[in-house]
N, C-alpha and C. Protein backbone atom coordinates (compact mmCIF):
# COMPACT_ATOMS: atom_id res chain seq x y z
N MET A 1 -44.72 -15.54 -62.09
CA MET A 1 -44.69 -14.93 -61.01
C MET A 1 -44.80 -15.62 -60.16
N ARG A 2 -43.79 -15.87 -58.69
CA ARG A 2 -43.84 -16.41 -57.57
C ARG A 2 -44.99 -16.18 -56.72
N PRO A 3 -46.09 -17.61 -56.12
CA PRO A 3 -46.72 -17.32 -55.21
C PRO A 3 -46.19 -16.94 -54.00
N ILE A 4 -46.86 -16.02 -53.62
CA ILE A 4 -46.35 -15.67 -51.83
C ILE A 4 -46.86 -16.60 -51.05
N ASP A 5 -45.19 -16.69 -49.99
CA ASP A 5 -45.42 -17.52 -48.94
C ASP A 5 -46.24 -17.04 -48.14
N THR A 6 -47.18 -17.36 -47.62
CA THR A 6 -48.34 -16.36 -46.21
C THR A 6 -47.28 -16.54 -44.85
N ARG A 7 -46.91 -17.94 -44.97
CA ARG A 7 -45.92 -18.50 -43.68
C ARG A 7 -44.78 -17.69 -43.21
N SER A 8 -44.05 -17.26 -44.22
CA SER A 8 -43.24 -16.57 -44.10
C SER A 8 -43.34 -15.02 -43.67
N MET A 9 -44.46 -14.79 -44.12
CA MET A 9 -45.18 -13.30 -43.90
C MET A 9 -45.51 -13.23 -42.78
N ALA A 10 -46.02 -14.50 -42.36
CA ALA A 10 -46.96 -14.45 -41.20
C ALA A 10 -45.80 -14.45 -39.73
N ARG A 11 -44.68 -15.21 -39.96
CA ARG A 11 -43.27 -15.38 -39.36
C ARG A 11 -42.81 -13.68 -38.95
N ILE A 12 -42.26 -13.09 -40.36
CA ILE A 12 -41.97 -11.69 -40.03
C ILE A 12 -42.68 -10.71 -39.39
N ALA A 13 -44.18 -10.26 -39.65
CA ALA A 13 -45.07 -10.30 -39.08
C ALA A 13 -44.87 -10.30 -37.61
N ALA A 14 -44.80 -11.63 -37.03
CA ALA A 14 -45.26 -11.82 -35.77
C ALA A 14 -44.00 -11.07 -35.22
N LEU A 15 -42.44 -11.40 -35.81
CA LEU A 15 -41.05 -10.75 -35.60
C LEU A 15 -41.39 -9.28 -35.25
N LEU A 16 -41.46 -8.55 -36.15
CA LEU A 16 -41.87 -7.19 -36.00
C LEU A 16 -42.88 -6.62 -34.94
N VAL A 17 -43.90 -7.45 -34.23
CA VAL A 17 -44.52 -7.03 -33.46
C VAL A 17 -44.11 -7.29 -32.10
N ALA A 18 -43.31 -8.40 -32.28
CA ALA A 18 -42.35 -8.68 -30.84
C ALA A 18 -41.48 -7.49 -30.52
N PHE A 19 -40.59 -7.39 -32.00
CA PHE A 19 -39.40 -6.48 -31.55
C PHE A 19 -40.00 -4.91 -31.14
N ALA A 20 -41.39 -4.61 -31.61
CA ALA A 20 -42.10 -2.93 -31.21
C ALA A 20 -42.11 -3.65 -29.87
N ALA A 21 -42.71 -4.38 -29.35
CA ALA A 21 -43.29 -4.70 -27.91
C ALA A 21 -42.21 -4.60 -26.85
N CYS A 22 -40.84 -4.85 -27.65
CA CYS A 22 -39.49 -4.73 -26.83
C CYS A 22 -39.11 -3.51 -26.72
N GLY A 23 -39.59 -2.47 -27.31
CA GLY A 23 -39.09 -1.33 -27.16
C GLY A 23 -38.20 -1.20 -28.53
N GLY A 24 -37.98 -2.19 -29.24
CA GLY A 24 -36.94 -2.05 -30.15
C GLY A 24 -37.25 -1.15 -31.70
N GLY A 25 -38.46 -0.64 -31.48
CA GLY A 25 -39.00 0.25 -32.48
C GLY A 25 -38.73 1.66 -32.62
N GLU A 26 -37.92 2.18 -31.51
CA GLU A 26 -37.62 3.37 -31.42
C GLU A 26 -36.11 3.50 -31.36
N LEU A 27 -35.36 4.53 -31.76
CA LEU A 27 -33.98 4.90 -32.08
C LEU A 27 -33.58 4.88 -30.89
N ALA A 28 -32.41 4.32 -30.48
CA ALA A 28 -31.52 4.48 -29.17
C ALA A 28 -30.95 5.54 -29.65
N GLU A 29 -30.94 6.47 -28.20
CA GLU A 29 -30.25 7.73 -28.48
C GLU A 29 -28.57 7.31 -28.35
N GLU A 30 -27.82 8.53 -29.42
CA GLU A 30 -26.75 8.23 -29.59
C GLU A 30 -25.82 7.92 -28.18
N GLY A 31 -24.94 6.70 -28.58
CA GLY A 31 -24.13 6.31 -27.31
C GLY A 31 -24.73 5.36 -26.66
N ALA A 32 -26.37 5.21 -26.56
CA ALA A 32 -26.68 4.41 -25.46
C ALA A 32 -26.14 2.83 -25.53
N LEU A 33 -26.51 2.77 -26.78
CA LEU A 33 -26.04 1.49 -26.90
C LEU A 33 -24.51 0.70 -26.38
N ASP A 34 -23.62 1.99 -26.71
CA ASP A 34 -22.14 1.19 -26.15
C ASP A 34 -22.02 1.88 -25.01
N THR A 35 -22.52 2.47 -24.00
CA THR A 35 -22.60 2.94 -22.51
C THR A 35 -21.99 2.03 -21.69
N GLY A 36 -22.50 1.09 -21.65
CA GLY A 36 -22.07 -0.21 -20.46
C GLY A 36 -20.60 -0.30 -21.27
N ILE A 37 -20.08 -0.47 -22.29
CA ILE A 37 -18.90 -0.88 -22.84
C ILE A 37 -18.15 -0.26 -22.62
N ALA A 38 -18.48 1.15 -22.69
CA ALA A 38 -17.57 2.15 -22.77
C ALA A 38 -17.04 2.95 -21.40
N ASP A 39 -18.33 2.43 -20.63
CA ASP A 39 -17.88 2.71 -19.12
C ASP A 39 -17.09 1.69 -18.52
N ALA A 40 -17.26 0.21 -19.16
CA ALA A 40 -16.39 -0.43 -18.43
C ALA A 40 -15.02 -0.11 -19.09
N GLY A 41 -14.93 0.00 -20.12
CA GLY A 41 -13.57 0.53 -20.81
C GLY A 41 -12.66 1.37 -20.13
N GLU A 42 -13.45 2.40 -19.90
CA GLU A 42 -13.05 3.64 -18.74
C GLU A 42 -12.48 3.23 -17.77
N ARG A 43 -13.03 2.43 -16.95
CA ARG A 43 -12.93 2.08 -15.30
C ARG A 43 -11.80 1.39 -15.83
N SER A 44 -11.71 0.28 -16.77
CA SER A 44 -10.77 -0.60 -16.57
C SER A 44 -9.55 0.11 -17.02
N ARG A 45 -9.72 1.00 -18.02
CA ARG A 45 -8.37 1.93 -18.37
C ARG A 45 -7.89 2.68 -17.09
N ASP A 46 -8.73 3.36 -16.49
CA ASP A 46 -8.64 4.26 -15.34
C ASP A 46 -7.87 3.19 -14.15
N ALA A 47 -8.54 2.05 -14.03
CA ALA A 47 -8.01 1.27 -12.98
C ALA A 47 -6.48 1.28 -13.32
N GLY A 48 -6.03 0.35 -14.78
CA GLY A 48 -4.69 0.50 -15.25
C GLY A 48 -3.78 1.53 -14.79
N GLU A 49 -4.25 2.64 -15.39
CA GLU A 49 -3.17 3.88 -15.17
C GLU A 49 -3.35 4.33 -13.62
N ALA A 50 -4.36 4.09 -12.48
CA ALA A 50 -3.59 4.22 -11.21
C ALA A 50 -3.09 3.46 -10.68
N ALA A 51 -2.88 1.81 -11.22
CA ALA A 51 -1.98 0.73 -10.65
C ALA A 51 -0.67 1.23 -11.26
N ALA A 52 -0.47 1.66 -12.42
CA ALA A 52 0.65 2.24 -13.13
C ALA A 52 1.73 3.06 -11.87
N ASP A 53 0.40 4.19 -11.89
CA ASP A 53 1.01 5.22 -11.07
C ASP A 53 1.15 5.25 -9.77
N ARG A 54 1.11 3.85 -8.99
CA ARG A 54 1.28 3.48 -7.82
C ARG A 54 2.61 2.82 -7.52
N PRO A 55 3.22 3.01 -6.62
CA PRO A 55 4.69 2.46 -6.69
C PRO A 55 4.50 0.99 -5.92
N ALA A 56 5.87 0.45 -6.70
CA ALA A 56 5.47 -1.05 -6.64
C ALA A 56 6.13 -1.18 -4.99
N ALA A 57 5.65 -2.50 -4.44
CA ALA A 57 5.75 -2.45 -2.74
C ALA A 57 7.25 -2.47 -2.40
N GLY A 58 7.83 -1.63 -1.98
CA GLY A 58 9.26 -1.98 -1.18
C GLY A 58 9.75 -0.52 -1.95
N THR A 59 8.94 0.26 -2.60
CA THR A 59 9.69 1.38 -3.24
C THR A 59 8.86 2.79 -2.50
N ALA A 60 9.92 3.74 -2.56
CA ALA A 60 9.49 5.06 -2.20
C ALA A 60 8.43 5.55 -2.69
N ALA A 61 7.18 6.49 -2.33
CA ALA A 61 6.41 6.72 -3.17
C ALA A 61 6.62 7.75 -3.64
N SER A 62 7.40 8.68 -3.35
CA SER A 62 8.00 9.74 -3.75
C SER A 62 9.64 10.13 -3.70
N ASP A 63 10.09 11.10 -4.59
CA ASP A 63 11.18 11.86 -4.40
C ASP A 63 11.25 12.88 -3.57
N ASP A 64 10.26 13.30 -3.47
CA ASP A 64 9.79 14.41 -2.18
C ASP A 64 10.12 14.16 -1.01
N PRO A 65 11.38 14.69 -0.30
CA PRO A 65 11.57 14.20 0.86
C PRO A 65 10.55 14.67 1.86
N ALA A 66 9.60 15.40 1.27
CA ALA A 66 8.11 15.66 2.06
C ALA A 66 7.34 14.47 2.70
N THR A 67 7.73 13.68 1.35
CA THR A 67 6.45 12.65 1.10
C THR A 67 7.21 11.26 1.16
N ALA A 68 8.56 11.42 0.90
CA ALA A 68 8.97 9.89 0.66
C ALA A 68 9.13 9.51 2.24
N GLY A 69 9.54 8.02 2.41
CA GLY A 69 9.55 7.23 3.65
C GLY A 69 10.77 7.71 4.74
N PRO A 70 10.85 7.22 5.58
CA PRO A 70 12.09 8.02 6.41
C PRO A 70 13.30 7.42 6.12
N THR A 71 14.42 8.02 6.05
CA THR A 71 15.61 7.54 6.07
C THR A 71 16.22 6.94 7.06
N ALA A 72 17.05 6.32 7.23
CA ALA A 72 17.97 5.92 8.06
C ALA A 72 18.99 7.20 8.84
N ALA A 73 18.82 7.48 10.47
CA ALA A 73 19.34 8.27 10.72
C ALA A 73 21.55 8.03 10.68
N PRO A 74 22.09 9.01 10.63
CA PRO A 74 23.85 8.34 10.68
C PRO A 74 23.84 8.27 11.68
N ALA A 75 24.67 7.32 12.09
CA ALA A 75 25.08 6.76 13.08
C ALA A 75 25.96 7.86 14.20
N THR A 76 25.65 7.82 15.52
CA THR A 76 26.68 8.76 16.09
C THR A 76 27.71 8.24 17.23
N VAL A 77 28.48 8.98 17.19
CA VAL A 77 29.78 8.57 17.51
C VAL A 77 30.09 9.12 19.14
N SER A 78 30.09 8.38 20.14
CA SER A 78 30.27 8.63 21.74
C SER A 78 31.58 8.95 21.96
N VAL A 79 31.55 9.76 22.57
CA VAL A 79 33.18 10.17 23.01
C VAL A 79 33.27 10.16 24.57
N LEU A 80 34.53 9.06 24.60
CA LEU A 80 34.77 8.78 25.78
C LEU A 80 35.44 9.87 26.94
N GLN A 81 36.07 10.77 26.40
CA GLN A 81 36.93 11.51 27.41
C GLN A 81 37.39 12.79 26.06
N VAL A 82 37.30 14.00 26.75
CA VAL A 82 38.03 15.18 25.91
C VAL A 82 39.23 15.98 26.52
N GLN A 83 40.23 15.81 25.88
CA GLN A 83 41.38 16.87 26.04
C GLN A 83 41.80 17.99 25.37
N GLU A 84 42.37 18.81 25.64
CA GLU A 84 42.73 20.25 25.09
C GLU A 84 44.25 19.89 24.48
N VAL A 85 43.89 20.27 23.39
CA VAL A 85 45.68 20.21 22.45
C VAL A 85 46.27 21.54 22.79
N ASN A 86 47.48 21.50 23.02
CA ASN A 86 48.21 22.57 22.41
C ASN A 86 48.35 23.77 21.43
N ASP A 87 47.09 23.66 20.95
CA ASP A 87 46.79 24.35 19.63
C ASP A 87 45.61 25.41 20.00
N PRO A 88 45.16 26.40 20.06
CA PRO A 88 44.23 27.07 20.56
C PRO A 88 43.18 26.78 19.49
N GLY A 89 41.81 26.15 20.24
CA GLY A 89 40.61 25.78 19.56
C GLY A 89 40.59 24.25 19.02
N MET A 90 41.59 23.80 19.09
CA MET A 90 41.43 22.19 19.06
C MET A 90 41.66 21.57 19.97
N LEU A 91 40.29 20.65 20.14
CA LEU A 91 39.95 19.55 20.93
C LEU A 91 40.57 18.18 20.37
N ALA A 92 41.00 17.10 21.62
CA ALA A 92 41.07 16.08 21.09
C ALA A 92 39.91 14.80 21.82
N GLU A 93 38.84 14.18 21.06
CA GLU A 93 37.90 13.67 21.62
C GLU A 93 38.09 11.88 21.30
N LEU A 94 38.69 11.37 22.52
CA LEU A 94 39.01 9.74 22.62
C LEU A 94 37.48 9.31 22.12
N THR A 95 37.43 8.79 21.03
CA THR A 95 35.83 7.90 20.66
C THR A 95 35.96 6.13 20.93
N GLU A 96 37.01 5.73 21.01
CA GLU A 96 37.12 4.26 20.68
C GLU A 96 38.47 3.94 21.38
N VAL A 97 38.09 2.31 22.31
CA VAL A 97 38.94 1.89 23.06
C VAL A 97 38.44 0.23 22.95
N THR A 98 38.58 -0.29 21.86
CA THR A 98 38.19 -1.41 22.00
C THR A 98 39.41 -2.80 21.53
N ARG A 99 39.02 -3.92 22.70
CA ARG A 99 39.99 -4.73 22.58
C ARG A 99 39.06 -6.09 21.82
N LYS A 100 40.07 -6.85 21.00
CA LYS A 100 39.40 -8.07 20.25
C LYS A 100 40.79 -8.81 19.36
N ASP A 101 40.78 -9.76 20.03
CA ASP A 101 41.58 -11.20 19.22
C ASP A 101 43.15 -10.50 19.58
N GLY A 102 43.60 -9.77 21.00
CA GLY A 102 44.85 -9.41 21.21
C GLY A 102 44.93 -7.86 20.73
N VAL A 103 44.31 -7.47 20.33
CA VAL A 103 45.03 -6.29 19.42
C VAL A 103 43.68 -5.30 20.14
N LEU A 104 44.20 -3.89 20.79
CA LEU A 104 43.54 -2.90 21.20
C LEU A 104 43.55 -1.62 20.03
N THR A 105 42.33 -1.34 19.58
CA THR A 105 42.15 0.08 18.99
C THR A 105 41.48 0.67 19.58
N VAL A 106 42.27 2.02 19.41
CA VAL A 106 42.12 3.22 19.81
C VAL A 106 41.96 4.35 18.72
N LYS A 107 40.65 5.24 18.87
CA LYS A 107 40.34 6.09 17.58
C LYS A 107 40.17 7.40 18.40
N ILE A 108 40.97 8.60 17.91
CA ILE A 108 40.72 10.37 18.34
C ILE A 108 40.22 11.08 17.57
N ARG A 109 39.21 11.60 17.63
CA ARG A 109 38.70 12.82 16.81
C ARG A 109 38.98 14.25 16.92
N PHE A 110 39.98 14.80 16.27
CA PHE A 110 40.51 16.00 16.67
C PHE A 110 39.35 17.16 16.03
N ARG A 111 38.83 18.05 17.14
CA ARG A 111 37.78 19.22 16.41
C ARG A 111 38.33 20.41 16.61
N ASN A 112 37.86 21.44 15.44
CA ASN A 112 38.34 22.73 15.70
C ASN A 112 37.22 23.12 16.43
N THR A 113 37.36 23.62 17.39
CA THR A 113 36.09 24.86 17.87
C THR A 113 36.09 25.84 17.95
N GLY A 114 37.02 26.56 17.38
CA GLY A 114 37.62 28.05 17.40
C GLY A 114 36.86 28.49 16.19
N THR A 115 37.31 29.97 15.45
CA THR A 115 36.74 30.34 14.59
C THR A 115 37.69 30.89 13.52
N GLU A 116 38.94 30.25 14.00
CA GLU A 116 40.12 30.42 13.14
C GLU A 116 40.66 29.01 12.41
N ASP A 117 41.29 29.00 11.55
CA ASP A 117 42.20 27.75 11.35
C ASP A 117 43.01 27.18 12.36
N THR A 118 43.26 25.83 12.45
CA THR A 118 44.00 25.73 13.40
C THR A 118 44.64 24.33 12.69
N TYR A 119 45.88 24.44 13.27
CA TYR A 119 46.96 23.26 12.92
C TYR A 119 47.88 22.80 13.94
N ASN A 120 48.35 21.08 13.99
CA ASN A 120 49.38 21.11 14.86
C ASN A 120 49.65 20.04 14.21
N ALA A 121 51.35 19.52 14.02
CA ALA A 121 51.78 18.51 13.81
C ALA A 121 52.48 17.60 15.27
N PHE A 122 51.58 16.50 15.34
CA PHE A 122 51.71 15.64 16.62
C PHE A 122 53.07 15.03 15.96
N GLU A 123 54.06 14.95 17.22
CA GLU A 123 55.69 14.04 16.62
C GLU A 123 55.72 12.64 16.68
N THR A 124 55.42 12.42 15.80
CA THR A 124 55.29 10.45 15.76
C THR A 124 56.99 10.16 15.12
N ASN A 125 58.02 11.17 15.02
CA ASN A 125 59.12 10.63 14.67
C ASN A 125 59.23 9.56 13.69
N HIS A 126 58.62 9.91 12.33
CA HIS A 126 58.51 9.39 11.09
C HIS A 126 57.82 7.82 11.23
N GLY A 127 56.78 7.82 12.45
CA GLY A 127 56.16 6.54 12.49
C GLY A 127 56.69 5.71 13.69
N ARG A 128 57.61 6.04 14.39
CA ARG A 128 58.12 5.20 15.39
C ARG A 128 57.13 5.23 16.48
N TYR A 129 56.69 6.40 16.83
CA TYR A 129 55.44 6.23 17.84
C TYR A 129 56.19 6.15 19.37
N GLU A 130 57.47 6.52 19.30
CA GLU A 130 57.89 6.47 21.18
C GLU A 130 56.92 7.25 22.10
N PHE A 131 56.32 8.36 21.41
CA PHE A 131 55.73 9.07 22.72
C PHE A 131 54.49 8.90 22.67
N PHE A 132 53.70 7.65 21.77
CA PHE A 132 52.33 7.34 21.67
C PHE A 132 52.19 5.97 22.72
N TYR A 133 51.94 5.97 23.82
CA TYR A 133 51.56 4.65 24.23
C TYR A 133 50.55 4.52 25.21
N VAL A 134 50.01 3.05 25.62
CA VAL A 134 48.92 2.95 26.07
C VAL A 134 49.49 2.45 27.87
N THR A 135 49.17 2.35 28.81
CA THR A 135 49.35 1.58 30.46
C THR A 135 48.12 1.00 30.79
N ALA A 136 48.59 -0.20 31.07
CA ALA A 136 47.80 -1.08 32.18
C ALA A 136 48.03 -1.45 33.11
N GLY A 137 47.37 -1.43 34.35
CA GLY A 137 48.15 -1.97 35.03
C GLY A 137 49.61 -1.13 35.58
N THR A 138 50.79 -2.28 35.46
CA THR A 138 52.16 -1.96 35.39
C THR A 138 52.54 -1.67 34.25
N GLN A 139 52.39 -2.14 33.20
CA GLN A 139 52.73 -2.36 31.54
C GLN A 139 52.77 -1.25 30.83
N LYS A 140 53.49 -0.99 29.93
CA LYS A 140 53.49 0.14 28.97
C LYS A 140 53.03 -0.81 27.60
N TYR A 141 52.66 -0.51 26.57
CA TYR A 141 52.28 -0.70 25.48
C TYR A 141 52.32 0.40 24.06
N PHE A 142 53.37 0.06 23.19
CA PHE A 142 53.61 0.90 22.42
C PHE A 142 52.58 0.31 20.90
N VAL A 143 52.95 1.38 19.88
CA VAL A 143 51.83 1.29 18.47
C VAL A 143 52.31 -0.06 17.91
N LEU A 144 51.66 -0.95 17.78
CA LEU A 144 52.14 -2.36 16.97
C LEU A 144 52.70 -1.76 15.48
N LYS A 145 53.60 -2.69 15.18
CA LYS A 145 54.19 -2.89 13.70
C LYS A 145 53.80 -3.83 12.98
N ASP A 146 53.99 -3.46 11.78
CA ASP A 146 53.76 -5.02 10.81
C ASP A 146 55.15 -5.52 10.45
N THR A 147 55.43 -6.76 9.86
CA THR A 147 56.18 -7.45 9.52
C THR A 147 57.41 -6.59 8.84
N GLU A 148 57.14 -5.55 8.11
CA GLU A 148 58.21 -4.71 7.55
C GLU A 148 58.68 -3.18 8.68
N GLY A 149 58.07 -3.58 9.78
CA GLY A 149 58.50 -2.41 10.42
C GLY A 149 57.61 -1.07 10.66
N ALA A 150 56.44 -1.15 9.33
CA ALA A 150 55.74 -0.25 9.32
C ALA A 150 54.64 0.24 10.56
N PRO A 151 54.32 1.39 11.51
CA PRO A 151 53.19 1.30 12.26
C PRO A 151 52.26 0.79 11.80
N LEU A 152 51.18 0.00 12.75
CA LEU A 152 49.88 0.07 12.53
C LEU A 152 49.38 1.52 13.19
N ALA A 153 48.84 2.43 12.38
CA ALA A 153 48.47 3.83 12.21
C ALA A 153 49.23 4.51 11.45
N PRO A 154 48.61 5.72 11.17
CA PRO A 154 49.14 6.76 10.13
C PRO A 154 50.60 7.07 10.45
N LYS A 155 51.23 7.55 9.35
CA LYS A 155 53.21 7.31 9.58
C LYS A 155 53.08 8.54 10.64
N TYR A 156 52.21 9.79 9.98
CA TYR A 156 52.45 11.38 10.46
C TYR A 156 51.06 11.50 11.05
N LEU A 157 50.70 12.18 11.94
CA LEU A 157 49.67 12.78 12.46
C LEU A 157 49.78 14.41 12.50
N ASN A 158 49.46 14.97 11.20
CA ASN A 158 49.28 16.74 10.93
C ASN A 158 47.76 16.72 10.81
N VAL A 159 47.50 17.64 11.82
CA VAL A 159 45.91 17.77 11.88
C VAL A 159 45.91 19.35 11.51
N SER A 160 45.53 19.86 10.13
CA SER A 160 44.75 20.97 9.91
C SER A 160 43.33 21.14 9.72
N LEU A 161 42.52 21.98 10.39
CA LEU A 161 41.15 21.81 10.46
C LEU A 161 40.63 23.55 10.37
N ASP A 162 39.57 23.52 9.41
CA ASP A 162 38.49 24.70 9.41
C ASP A 162 37.96 25.06 10.19
N PRO A 163 37.44 26.00 10.84
CA PRO A 163 36.41 26.01 11.96
C PRO A 163 35.31 24.82 11.77
N GLY A 164 35.15 24.33 13.00
CA GLY A 164 33.79 23.57 12.67
C GLY A 164 34.37 21.75 12.33
N ALA A 165 35.80 21.80 11.72
CA ALA A 165 35.66 20.45 11.08
C ALA A 165 36.46 19.84 12.10
N THR A 166 36.82 18.46 11.54
CA THR A 166 36.94 17.41 12.52
C THR A 166 37.85 16.40 11.73
N SER A 167 38.88 15.59 12.41
CA SER A 167 39.67 14.60 11.62
C SER A 167 39.89 13.17 12.97
N THR A 168 39.94 12.33 12.06
CA THR A 168 40.20 11.22 13.04
C THR A 168 41.72 10.42 12.94
N TRP A 169 42.22 10.01 13.98
CA TRP A 169 43.11 9.18 13.89
C TRP A 169 42.97 7.56 14.73
N TRP A 170 43.81 7.13 14.49
CA TRP A 170 43.51 5.65 14.71
C TRP A 170 44.99 5.10 15.31
N ALA A 171 45.10 3.98 15.88
CA ALA A 171 46.42 3.21 16.15
C ALA A 171 45.91 1.77 16.71
N LYS A 172 46.59 0.96 16.63
CA LYS A 172 46.53 -0.66 17.16
C LYS A 172 47.61 -0.71 18.05
N PHE A 173 47.23 -1.08 19.49
CA PHE A 173 48.49 -1.58 20.65
C PHE A 173 48.17 -3.07 20.73
N PRO A 174 49.16 -3.71 21.40
CA PRO A 174 48.94 -4.61 22.07
C PRO A 174 47.76 -4.77 23.16
N ALA A 175 46.77 -5.76 23.31
CA ALA A 175 46.07 -5.62 24.03
C ALA A 175 46.05 -6.25 25.52
N PRO A 176 46.10 -5.07 26.49
CA PRO A 176 46.13 -5.61 27.71
C PRO A 176 45.37 -6.99 28.26
N PRO A 177 45.84 -7.81 29.37
CA PRO A 177 45.35 -8.73 29.29
C PRO A 177 43.77 -8.60 30.05
N ALA A 178 43.14 -9.95 29.53
CA ALA A 178 41.47 -9.50 29.83
C ALA A 178 41.19 -9.00 31.45
N SER A 179 42.38 -9.28 32.35
CA SER A 179 41.73 -8.83 33.67
C SER A 179 41.81 -7.56 34.08
N GLU A 180 42.57 -6.79 33.07
CA GLU A 180 42.61 -5.20 33.07
C GLU A 180 41.41 -4.90 32.13
N ASN A 181 40.81 -3.73 32.80
CA ASN A 181 39.39 -3.56 32.29
C ASN A 181 39.64 -1.84 31.93
N THR A 182 40.65 -1.09 32.33
CA THR A 182 41.05 0.30 31.90
C THR A 182 41.80 0.47 31.55
N ILE A 183 42.31 1.57 30.41
CA ILE A 183 43.38 2.14 30.17
C ILE A 183 43.99 3.36 30.33
N ASP A 184 45.08 3.78 30.57
CA ASP A 184 45.08 5.52 30.36
C ASP A 184 46.16 5.56 28.75
N LEU A 185 46.01 6.77 27.92
CA LEU A 185 46.37 6.57 26.78
C LEU A 185 47.21 8.06 26.93
N VAL A 186 48.73 8.11 26.40
CA VAL A 186 49.19 9.13 26.31
C VAL A 186 50.11 9.26 25.07
N ILE A 187 49.81 10.83 24.31
CA ILE A 187 50.01 11.45 23.11
C ILE A 187 50.68 12.44 23.37
N PRO A 188 51.91 13.24 22.70
CA PRO A 188 51.98 14.35 22.53
C PRO A 188 50.97 15.69 22.32
N ASP A 189 51.50 16.58 22.99
CA ASP A 189 50.68 17.82 22.97
C ASP A 189 49.29 17.62 23.58
N THR A 190 48.84 16.37 24.42
CA THR A 190 47.56 17.03 25.26
C THR A 190 48.06 16.16 26.70
N PRO A 191 46.95 16.72 27.29
CA PRO A 191 47.17 15.86 28.53
C PRO A 191 46.72 14.40 28.68
N PRO A 192 47.24 13.71 29.37
CA PRO A 192 46.85 12.07 29.23
C PRO A 192 45.28 11.72 29.45
N PHE A 193 44.80 10.75 28.76
CA PHE A 193 43.43 10.31 29.11
C PHE A 193 43.56 9.29 30.12
N GLU A 194 42.97 9.32 31.05
CA GLU A 194 42.71 8.24 32.11
C GLU A 194 41.79 7.80 32.48
N ASP A 195 41.69 6.33 32.71
CA ASP A 195 40.66 5.29 33.60
C ASP A 195 39.92 5.38 32.09
N ILE A 196 40.14 5.13 31.01
CA ILE A 196 39.29 4.90 29.91
C ILE A 196 39.23 3.28 29.98
N PRO A 197 37.68 2.85 30.05
CA PRO A 197 37.29 1.84 29.90
C PRO A 197 37.42 1.21 28.74
N ILE A 198 37.74 -0.20 28.53
CA ILE A 198 37.93 -1.00 27.01
C ILE A 198 36.57 -1.74 26.92
N THR A 199 36.37 -1.69 25.88
CA THR A 199 35.32 -2.50 25.47
C THR A 199 35.78 -3.83 24.58
N ASP A 200 35.37 -4.74 24.61
CA ASP A 200 35.62 -5.97 24.34
C ASP A 200 34.64 -6.43 23.23
N ARG A 201 35.33 -6.69 22.08
CA ARG A 201 34.53 -7.14 20.94
C ARG A 201 34.82 -8.81 20.29
């Protein structure tokens, strides 16, 4: 039989006394030892989930229009002058007269202001446009044509509109000289548009 090592026994006894003095002699409540780790893990996971739920910078917070960021408003078109068309309920709104690089661009928006469908076939004479012209000073300017003789405008101008609907027509003319600041525009089936300012671009 081995002799008992009294020094080892003394060390073990001392350790047991120290452990009991620190409260280690009592059983910890269930889960008490891992509370700090679990809480930290929960906080870390909750923070990660919250970060995942947040949108990235520059993205909308929601697809719901009530909470999404503002959207750009559609650009409005200014009307320079309005004339009545020889068809009930139809108006011709001149919206653009711009001069750039020797070319004058004209745009007209036709609008049905009535409660019935409206239709007007403006006479372009198969794209010859003899009855559409601009005057500035003492000069008259007709619709430009390309190298093949086609007009720089839609070949035909047949406007059919439901109530409240609009349709835009455009044409390009030789630009009057820079000394001229206004034009008159003549088209069939409306009174002339007069003293319209030119916008230079």
